[in-house]
Amino acid sequence: MLLNTKKLAFLGLLLAVTVLLVIFSGILEFNTLFLLAGASFCVGIAIRESGLKFGSGFYLGSVFLSLILAPNKLYCITYAAMGLYLVISEYSFEKLANIKWSKNRSRIYWIIKYVTFNVMYIPMLLFLPTMIYQGQISKVLLPVIFLAGQVVLLVYDKAYIYFQIYIWGKVRGKLQL
């Protein structure tokens, strides 16, 4: 599958917007997670508009450019994790959609998403706790932060689904991609 010039130009502009959102997340400290989530939503747009192969290339390119251009590398790592979660989520959705035998595709899909998140989140929580919380994390606070991460995942995933269906669905129609 080759991309037409209109989609290629769109992906280039989307890449610029993604990198700007990552850069602005380091400048506007009060909106960091919102801007990083918006940047990672652009990865989902790229995957849905150009397919998994080109969307994954878009993701890798955006991570590379963000690492080069963004002043705060910690936010680049956070963006990379959020984007990787969406790449794996979209990949698993695509593969599960082709399976005819499974009646529990939705349940399997959520299990894959939670396992993906926790494979990234738990090592970060145990080995790099300062990425999540600036102070000392006590043994009592660790389960609370773990559960808070699960809630944040649910909110992030619901926001992504809402964004793709309602917001991007309206914008996409106006762009005529």
Protein backbone atom coordinates (compact mmCIF):
# COMPACT_ATOMS: atom_id res chain seq x y z
CA MET A 1 0.00 0.00 0.00
CA LEU A 2 1.40 3.34 -1.02
CA LEU A 3 0.36 6.59 0.56
CA ASN A 4 -0.99 9.26 -1.69
CA THR A 5 0.54 12.72 -1.49
CA LYS A 6 -2.39 14.16 0.44
CA LYS A 7 -2.03 11.60 3.23
CA LEU A 8 1.74 11.95 3.23
CA ALA A 9 1.47 15.72 3.61
CA PHE A 10 -1.11 15.23 6.33
CA LEU A 11 1.19 12.86 8.23
CA GLY A 12 4.02 15.38 7.96
CA LEU A 13 1.87 18.12 9.46
CA LEU A 14 0.58 15.73 12.10
CA LEU A 15 4.18 14.87 12.99
CA ALA A 16 4.97 18.57 13.41
CA VAL A 17 1.92 19.02 15.66
CA THR A 18 2.91 15.96 17.70
CA VAL A 19 6.44 17.17 18.30
CA LEU A 20 5.19 20.66 19.16
CA LEU A 21 2.82 19.20 21.73
CA VAL A 22 5.70 17.28 23.32
CA ILE A 23 7.86 20.43 23.36
CA PHE A 24 5.03 22.52 24.82
CA SER A 25 4.51 19.92 27.54
CA GLY A 26 7.96 20.82 28.82
CA ILE A 27 7.30 24.54 28.60
CA LEU A 28 3.75 24.64 29.97
CA GLU A 29 4.26 22.57 33.10
CA PHE A 30 0.67 22.85 34.30
CA ASN A 31 -0.68 20.98 31.23
CA THR A 32 1.98 18.31 30.85
CA LEU A 33 -0.14 15.16 30.86
CA PHE A 34 -2.88 16.75 28.77
CA LEU A 35 -0.39 17.81 26.08
CA LEU A 36 1.41 14.45 26.12
CA ALA A 37 -1.93 12.64 25.80
CA GLY A 38 -2.80 14.89 22.87
CA ALA A 39 0.52 14.08 21.23
CA SER A 40 -0.04 10.36 21.70
CA PHE A 41 -3.56 10.68 20.26
CA CYS A 42 -1.85 11.88 17.08
CA VAL A 43 -0.16 8.47 16.91
CA GLY A 44 -3.62 6.90 16.93
CA ILE A 45 -4.73 9.21 14.16
CA ALA A 46 -1.70 8.25 12.07
CA ILE A 47 -2.39 4.55 12.58
CA ARG A 48 -6.06 4.83 11.70
CA GLU A 49 -5.43 7.00 8.64
CA SER A 50 -2.45 5.22 7.13
CA GLY A 51 -2.45 1.75 8.62
CA LEU A 52 -0.38 0.06 11.27
CA LYS A 53 2.84 -0.10 9.28
CA PHE A 54 3.05 3.60 8.46
CA GLY A 55 1.53 4.56 11.81
CA SER A 56 4.28 2.68 13.61
CA GLY A 57 6.85 4.50 11.47
CA PHE A 58 5.13 7.75 12.39
CA TYR A 59 5.38 6.80 16.07
CA LEU A 60 9.10 5.99 15.83
CA GLY A 61 9.78 9.19 13.90
CA SER A 62 7.89 11.29 16.42
CA VAL A 63 9.75 9.74 19.35
CA PHE A 64 13.08 10.32 17.60
CA LEU A 65 12.28 13.94 16.74
CA SER A 66 10.95 14.59 20.24
CA LEU A 67 14.14 13.26 21.80
CA ILE A 68 16.15 15.57 19.57
CA LEU A 69 14.04 18.71 19.90
CA ALA A 70 12.30 18.63 23.27
CA PRO A 71 14.16 20.13 26.20
CA ASN A 72 12.74 17.77 28.82
CA LYS A 73 13.69 14.18 27.93
CA LEU A 74 11.60 12.76 30.76
CA TYR A 75 8.47 13.92 28.98
CA CYS A 76 9.73 12.28 25.80
CA ILE A 77 9.92 8.97 27.66
CA THR A 78 6.39 9.47 28.97
CA TYR A 79 5.15 10.30 25.48
CA ALA A 80 6.95 7.25 24.08
CA ALA A 81 5.21 5.00 26.63
CA MET A 82 1.80 6.54 25.92
CA GLY A 83 2.31 6.21 22.18
CA LEU A 84 3.57 2.63 22.47
CA TYR A 85 0.46 1.77 24.45
CA LEU A 86 -1.69 3.09 21.60
CA VAL A 87 0.34 1.27 18.93
CA ILE A 88 -0.08 -2.03 20.78
CA SER A 89 -3.73 -1.26 21.46
CA GLU A 90 -4.48 -0.55 17.80
CA TYR A 91 -2.49 -3.61 16.71
CA SER A 92 -4.38 -5.90 19.07
CA PHE A 93 -7.70 -4.38 18.00
CA GLU A 94 -6.86 -5.03 14.36
CA LYS A 95 -5.80 -8.63 15.02
CA LEU A 96 -8.77 -9.41 17.26
CA ALA A 97 -11.19 -8.00 14.69
CA ASN A 98 -10.10 -10.73 12.27
CA ILE A 99 -10.73 -13.56 14.74
CA LYS A 100 -14.13 -15.11 14.10
CA TRP A 101 -14.13 -17.77 16.82
CA SER A 102 -13.90 -15.54 19.87
CA LYS A 103 -17.09 -14.32 21.51
CA ASN A 104 -15.09 -12.54 24.19
CA ARG A 105 -13.05 -10.28 21.92
CA SER A 106 -13.85 -7.22 23.99
CA ARG A 107 -12.68 -8.89 27.20
CA ILE A 108 -9.51 -10.19 25.54
CA TYR A 109 -8.87 -6.72 24.12
CA TRP A 110 -9.10 -5.11 27.58
CA ILE A 111 -6.84 -7.78 29.08
CA ILE A 112 -4.23 -7.09 26.40
CA LYS A 113 -4.47 -3.35 27.08
CA TYR A 114 -4.11 -3.73 30.85
CA VAL A 115 -1.22 -6.17 30.51
CA THR A 116 0.50 -3.80 28.08
CA PHE A 117 0.08 -0.87 30.45
CA ASN A 118 1.23 -2.80 33.49
CA VAL A 119 4.29 -4.22 31.72
CA MET A 120 5.41 -0.61 31.27
CA TYR A 121 4.02 0.83 34.51
CA ILE A 122 5.06 -1.66 37.19
CA PRO A 123 8.82 -1.65 36.38
CA MET A 124 8.70 2.14 36.27
CA LEU A 125 6.90 2.21 39.61
CA LEU A 126 9.39 -0.17 41.23
CA PHE A 127 12.68 0.93 39.66
CA LEU A 128 12.10 4.58 38.69
CA PRO A 129 9.60 5.88 41.24
CA THR A 130 10.80 9.48 40.90
CA MET A 131 9.22 9.56 37.43
CA ILE A 132 5.82 9.29 39.12
CA TYR A 133 6.26 10.88 42.54
CA GLN A 134 8.97 13.33 43.55
CA GLY A 135 9.13 12.37 47.22
CA GLN A 136 9.93 9.09 48.89
CA ILE A 137 7.40 6.37 48.19
CA SER A 138 6.60 4.37 51.30
CA LYS A 139 5.42 0.76 51.22
CA VAL A 140 1.91 1.97 52.09
CA LEU A 141 1.83 4.50 49.27
CA LEU A 142 3.01 2.03 46.61
CA PRO A 143 -0.33 0.16 46.24
CA VAL A 144 -2.20 3.45 46.21
CA ILE A 145 -0.05 4.72 43.35
CA PHE A 146 -0.48 1.39 41.55
CA LEU A 147 -4.29 1.65 41.79
CA ALA A 148 -4.16 5.31 40.77
CA GLY A 149 -2.27 4.27 37.64
CA GLN A 150 -5.02 1.80 36.78
CA VAL A 151 -7.62 4.54 37.12
CA VAL A 152 -5.52 6.90 35.00
CA LEU A 153 -5.28 4.17 32.34
CA LEU A 154 -9.05 3.79 32.27
CA VAL A 155 -9.56 7.56 31.94
CA TYR A 156 -6.84 7.84 29.28
CA ASP A 157 -8.27 4.97 27.26
CA LYS A 158 -11.84 6.28 27.46
CA ALA A 159 -10.61 9.75 26.43
CA TYR A 160 -8.77 8.23 23.47
CA ILE A 161 -11.84 6.30 22.33
CA TYR A 162 -14.00 9.42 22.69
CA PHE A 163 -11.44 11.48 20.79
CA GLN A 164 -11.24 8.99 17.92
CA ILE A 165 -14.99 8.56 17.53
CA TYR A 166 -16.40 12.02 18.16
CA ILE A 167 -13.69 14.62 17.72
CA TRP A 168 -11.46 13.07 15.06
CA GLY A 169 -14.52 11.66 13.28
CA LYS A 170 -15.86 15.20 12.74
CA VAL A 171 -12.50 16.70 11.79
CA ARG A 172 -11.69 13.85 9.42
CA GLY A 173 -14.86 14.45 7.47
CA LYS A 174 -13.92 18.09 6.92
CA LEU A 175 -10.37 17.21 5.81
CA GLN A 176 -11.60 14.68 3.21
CA LEU A 177 -8.70 12.32 3.67
